Amino acid sequence: MLPSQEASKIYHENYMRNSRTIGVLWAIFTICFAIINVVVFIQPYWIGDSLSTPQAGHFGLFHYCIGAGSPSKEMTCQGSMSDFGSIPSGAFKAASFFVLLSMVLILSCIACMALFFFCNIATVYKTCAWMQLLCAVCLVFGCIIFPDGWDAEVVRDLCGEETGKYTLGRCSMRWAYILAIIGILDALILSFLAFVLGNRQSDFFFEEVRTENKDMAVSRIEVPDRRNPRFTGQRF
């Protein structure tokens, strides 16, 4: 085996080992992000009551619960994705759509991981990267549009008359909204990492092809030297 082929083989083994490790971590964090996305979508804890609100309650994208009087009283919950008319605000409906779309994209990304066994690895990484980037964009739209619905009557009844668009009044931001914002950063990081892994796979493939072509050319030049000693030392 030629020295360049040996070096290429060693580099290939080291690269594949490191690439698999990073790829496994990327897949694990993608699955964790998908879980976060599902939780953010279904949990009604984007905004909620505080100590200064007249009653207990909390709102999600499409589902909300309001208590009667004391916070210890049982809450009445309403809103469902199956009944779009029950969502109290048009902005809430739009935000629900975008977050739902982000959830579908990230779950589709996980499904695409099965293509690693059948398709070009670089292509799969880049496809997943675009899905994760679009997922982040959808979450951004969802988080930006959601406060536009804070002027809905049912929200004002809980949070006070001073509540309006992008003004929360007496209510407070809850953990699901914060988790959605963190999810945007997570999706962007995962997308960037997938692009890097995909580009490195492509660069390595082309470099390997160039090395093989170069070695084949050198081997063809050296063949006459081995058959006829008179040509020893001559190179074209």
Protein backbone atom coordinates (compact mmCIF):
# COMPACT_ATOMS: atom_id res chain seq x y z
CA MET A 1 0.00 0.00 0.00
CA LEU A 2 1.32 3.45 -0.91
CA PRO A 3 2.16 5.90 1.93
CA SER A 4 -0.57 8.30 0.83
CA GLN A 5 -3.10 5.47 0.94
CA GLU A 6 -1.99 4.50 4.45
CA ALA A 7 -2.27 8.09 5.65
CA SER A 8 -5.69 8.39 4.03
CA LYS A 9 -6.84 5.19 5.73
CA ILE A 10 -5.67 6.37 9.17
CA TYR A 11 -7.31 9.76 8.67
CA HIS A 12 -10.50 8.05 7.52
CA GLU A 13 -10.62 5.81 10.62
CA ASN A 14 -10.03 8.71 13.02
CA TYR A 15 -12.54 10.92 11.24
CA MET A 16 -15.24 8.26 11.18
CA ARG A 17 -14.75 7.55 14.89
CA ASN A 18 -15.07 11.22 15.83
CA SER A 19 -17.89 11.80 13.37
CA ARG A 20 -19.94 8.92 14.79
CA THR A 21 -19.50 10.23 18.34
CA ILE A 22 -20.58 13.75 17.43
CA GLY A 23 -23.40 12.40 15.28
CA VAL A 24 -24.73 10.26 18.15
CA LEU A 25 -24.70 13.28 20.48
CA TRP A 26 -26.46 15.35 17.83
CA ALA A 27 -29.15 12.67 17.47
CA ILE A 28 -29.64 12.41 21.25
CA PHE A 29 -30.02 16.18 21.66
CA THR A 30 -32.38 16.27 18.68
CA ILE A 31 -34.63 13.72 20.40
CA CYS A 32 -34.46 15.73 23.65
CA PHE A 33 -35.41 18.87 21.75
CA ALA A 34 -38.35 17.05 20.15
CA ILE A 35 -39.60 16.13 23.64
CA ILE A 36 -39.26 19.77 24.70
CA ASN A 37 -41.17 20.88 21.61
CA VAL A 38 -44.05 18.50 22.31
CA VAL A 39 -44.24 19.58 25.96
CA VAL A 40 -44.21 23.27 25.00
CA PHE A 41 -47.04 22.69 22.54
CA ILE A 42 -49.43 20.77 24.78
CA GLN A 43 -48.84 22.37 28.20
CA PRO A 44 -51.07 25.35 29.14
CA TYR A 45 -48.39 27.16 31.10
CA TRP A 46 -47.19 29.97 28.83
CA ILE A 47 -48.60 32.73 31.03
CA GLY A 48 -50.46 32.55 34.33
CA ASP A 49 -51.69 34.20 37.50
CA SER A 50 -49.60 35.91 40.14
CA LEU A 51 -50.17 37.08 43.72
CA SER A 52 -51.88 40.24 42.48
CA THR A 53 -54.41 38.60 40.14
CA PRO A 54 -58.02 38.33 41.32
CA GLN A 55 -58.24 34.63 40.50
CA ALA A 56 -56.08 31.65 39.56
CA GLY A 57 -55.53 30.64 35.98
CA HIS A 58 -53.03 29.91 33.24
CA PHE A 59 -52.92 29.99 29.45
CA GLY A 60 -51.20 27.89 26.85
CA LEU A 61 -51.24 28.13 23.09
CA PHE A 62 -54.75 26.71 22.69
CA HIS A 63 -55.72 25.40 26.14
CA TYR A 64 -56.41 27.54 29.21
CA CYS A 65 -57.76 27.09 32.71
CA ILE A 66 -59.50 29.69 34.86
CA GLY A 67 -60.42 29.35 38.54
CA ALA A 68 -63.35 31.00 40.31
CA GLY A 69 -62.16 33.30 43.09
CA SER A 70 -59.67 31.70 45.46
CA PRO A 71 -56.67 29.90 43.95
CA SER A 72 -57.63 26.80 45.90
CA LYS A 73 -60.90 26.43 43.97
CA GLU A 74 -61.20 23.97 41.09
CA MET A 75 -60.37 25.37 37.67
CA THR A 76 -62.44 25.24 34.51
CA CYS A 77 -60.36 24.39 31.43
CA GLN A 78 -61.29 25.14 27.82
CA GLY A 79 -59.71 25.20 24.38
CA SER A 80 -58.72 22.41 22.03
CA MET A 81 -56.87 22.05 18.73
CA SER A 82 -59.74 19.91 17.48
CA ASP A 83 -62.09 22.85 18.07
CA PHE A 84 -60.22 25.83 16.68
CA GLY A 85 -63.11 28.16 17.54
CA SER A 86 -62.59 27.52 21.26
CA ILE A 87 -59.17 29.21 21.19
CA PRO A 88 -59.73 32.69 22.69
CA SER A 89 -57.60 34.75 20.29
CA GLY A 90 -56.61 34.81 16.64
CA ALA A 91 -53.00 35.38 17.70
CA PHE A 92 -53.18 32.27 19.89
CA LYS A 93 -54.45 30.31 16.89
CA ALA A 94 -51.59 31.51 14.69
CA ALA A 95 -49.02 30.79 17.41
CA SER A 96 -50.50 27.31 17.88
CA PHE A 97 -50.17 26.65 14.15
CA PHE A 98 -46.50 27.67 14.02
CA VAL A 99 -45.52 25.71 17.12
CA LEU A 100 -47.44 22.68 15.80
CA LEU A 101 -45.54 23.03 12.51
CA SER A 102 -42.24 23.15 14.38
CA MET A 103 -43.20 19.98 16.25
CA VAL A 104 -44.06 18.19 12.99
CA LEU A 105 -40.73 19.29 11.47
CA ILE A 106 -38.61 18.04 14.36
CA LEU A 107 -40.47 14.72 14.49
CA SER A 108 -39.95 14.38 10.73
CA CYS A 109 -36.26 15.09 11.30
CA ILE A 110 -36.08 12.19 13.74
CA ALA A 111 -37.83 9.96 11.20
CA CYS A 112 -35.26 11.01 8.57
CA MET A 113 -32.47 9.60 10.74
CA ALA A 114 -33.46 6.16 9.48
CA LEU A 115 -32.19 7.28 6.06
CA PHE A 116 -28.61 7.17 7.37
CA PHE A 117 -28.70 3.43 6.60
CA PHE A 118 -29.87 3.88 3.00
CA CYS A 119 -28.82 7.32 1.67
CA ASN A 120 -25.78 9.52 1.47
CA ILE A 121 -24.85 10.63 5.00
CA ALA A 122 -24.03 14.21 4.00
CA THR A 123 -27.40 14.60 2.27
CA VAL A 124 -29.28 13.31 5.31
CA TYR A 125 -27.41 15.67 7.66
CA LYS A 126 -28.16 18.65 5.44
CA THR A 127 -31.82 17.70 5.11
CA CYS A 128 -32.15 17.44 8.89
CA ALA A 129 -30.28 20.74 9.28
CA TRP A 130 -32.81 22.55 7.07
CA MET A 131 -35.68 20.97 9.01
CA GLN A 132 -34.19 22.11 12.33
CA LEU A 133 -33.60 25.60 10.98
CA LEU A 134 -37.22 25.83 9.81
CA CYS A 135 -38.29 24.47 13.19
CA ALA A 136 -36.43 27.32 14.91
CA VAL A 137 -38.05 29.86 12.57
CA CYS A 138 -41.53 28.49 13.36
CA LEU A 139 -40.83 28.69 17.09
CA VAL A 140 -39.68 32.29 16.67
CA PHE A 141 -42.96 33.14 14.93
CA GLY A 142 -44.93 31.35 17.63
CA CYS A 143 -43.18 33.16 20.48
CA ILE A 144 -43.50 36.56 18.77
CA ILE A 145 -47.17 36.19 17.77
CA PHE A 146 -48.41 34.73 21.07
CA PRO A 147 -48.23 38.03 23.07
CA ASP A 148 -50.33 39.71 20.40
CA GLY A 149 -53.32 37.83 21.83
CA TRP A 150 -52.95 39.06 25.40
CA ASP A 151 -55.68 41.64 24.80
CA ALA A 152 -58.30 38.88 24.57
CA GLU A 153 -61.21 39.35 26.98
CA VAL A 154 -60.59 36.15 28.90
CA VAL A 155 -56.93 37.11 29.42
CA ARG A 156 -57.88 40.62 30.59
CA ASP A 157 -60.36 39.13 33.09
CA LEU A 158 -57.47 37.24 34.69
CA CYS A 159 -54.57 39.63 34.29
CA GLY A 160 -56.35 42.99 34.76
CA GLU A 161 -57.61 45.84 32.62
CA GLU A 162 -54.08 47.14 32.01
CA THR A 163 -53.31 43.98 30.05
CA GLY A 164 -52.93 44.48 26.31
CA LYS A 165 -50.94 43.32 23.32
CA TYR A 166 -47.39 42.59 24.47
CA THR A 167 -48.34 43.92 27.93
CA LEU A 168 -48.93 41.18 30.46
CA GLY A 169 -50.45 43.27 33.26
CA ARG A 170 -50.64 41.45 36.59
CA CYS A 171 -49.91 38.01 35.16
CA SER A 172 -46.48 36.48 34.76
CA MET A 173 -44.63 34.45 32.19
CA ARG A 174 -44.61 30.73 32.93
CA TRP A 175 -42.08 27.98 32.34
CA ALA A 176 -43.47 26.70 29.00
CA TYR A 177 -42.93 30.09 27.33
CA ILE A 178 -39.36 30.25 28.66
CA LEU A 179 -38.76 26.69 27.50
CA ALA A 180 -39.98 27.62 24.00
CA ILE A 181 -37.46 30.48 23.85
CA ILE A 182 -34.69 28.13 24.97
CA GLY A 183 -35.89 25.68 22.31
CA ILE A 184 -35.21 28.29 19.61
CA LEU A 185 -31.55 28.48 20.62
CA ASP A 186 -31.39 24.69 20.86
CA ALA A 187 -32.79 24.24 17.34
CA LEU A 188 -30.35 26.79 15.90
CA ILE A 189 -27.37 25.06 17.52
CA LEU A 190 -28.51 21.63 16.33
CA SER A 191 -29.06 22.97 12.82
CA PHE A 192 -25.58 24.53 12.73
CA LEU A 193 -24.02 21.29 13.96
CA ALA A 194 -25.88 19.26 11.33
CA PHE A 195 -24.68 21.61 8.57
CA VAL A 196 -21.09 21.25 9.82
CA LEU A 197 -21.32 17.45 9.92
CA GLY A 198 -22.88 17.35 6.45
CA ASN A 199 -20.24 19.64 4.93
CA ARG A 200 -17.40 17.68 6.54
CA GLN A 201 -18.82 14.48 5.11
CA SER A 202 -18.92 16.05 1.64
CA ASP A 203 -15.39 17.48 1.94
CA PHE A 204 -14.00 14.17 3.11
CA PHE A 205 -15.68 12.30 0.25
CA PHE A 206 -14.19 14.60 -2.40
CA GLU A 207 -10.78 14.52 -0.73
CA GLU A 208 -10.86 10.72 -0.66
CA VAL A 209 -11.75 10.63 -4.36
CA ARG A 210 -8.89 12.98 -5.23
CA THR A 211 -6.44 10.86 -3.21
CA GLU A 212 -7.54 7.66 -4.94
CA ASN A 213 -7.21 9.25 -8.39
CA LYS A 214 -3.76 10.55 -7.53
CA ASP A 215 -2.60 7.15 -6.27
CA MET A 216 -3.93 5.45 -9.40
CA ALA A 217 -2.02 7.90 -11.58
CA VAL A 218 1.22 7.33 -9.66
CA SER A 219 0.78 3.56 -9.87
CA ARG A 220 0.37 3.71 -13.65
CA ILE A 221 3.57 5.75 -14.00
CA GLU A 222 5.59 3.30 -11.91
CA VAL A 223 4.50 0.18 -13.82
CA PRO A 224 7.06 0.57 -16.71
CA ASP A 225 9.89 1.01 -14.18
CA ARG A 226 9.19 -2.37 -12.59
CA ARG A 227 9.05 -4.21 -15.92
CA ASN A 228 12.10 -2.58 -17.55
CA PRO A 229 15.10 -1.57 -15.40
CA ARG A 230 16.21 0.93 -18.09
CA PHE A 231 13.32 3.20 -17.10
CA THR A 232 14.24 3.21 -13.40
CA GLY A 233 14.28 6.71 -11.97
CA GLN A 234 12.38 8.21 -14.89
CA ARG A 235 9.11 10.07 -14.16
CA PHE A 236 6.67 11.69 -16.49
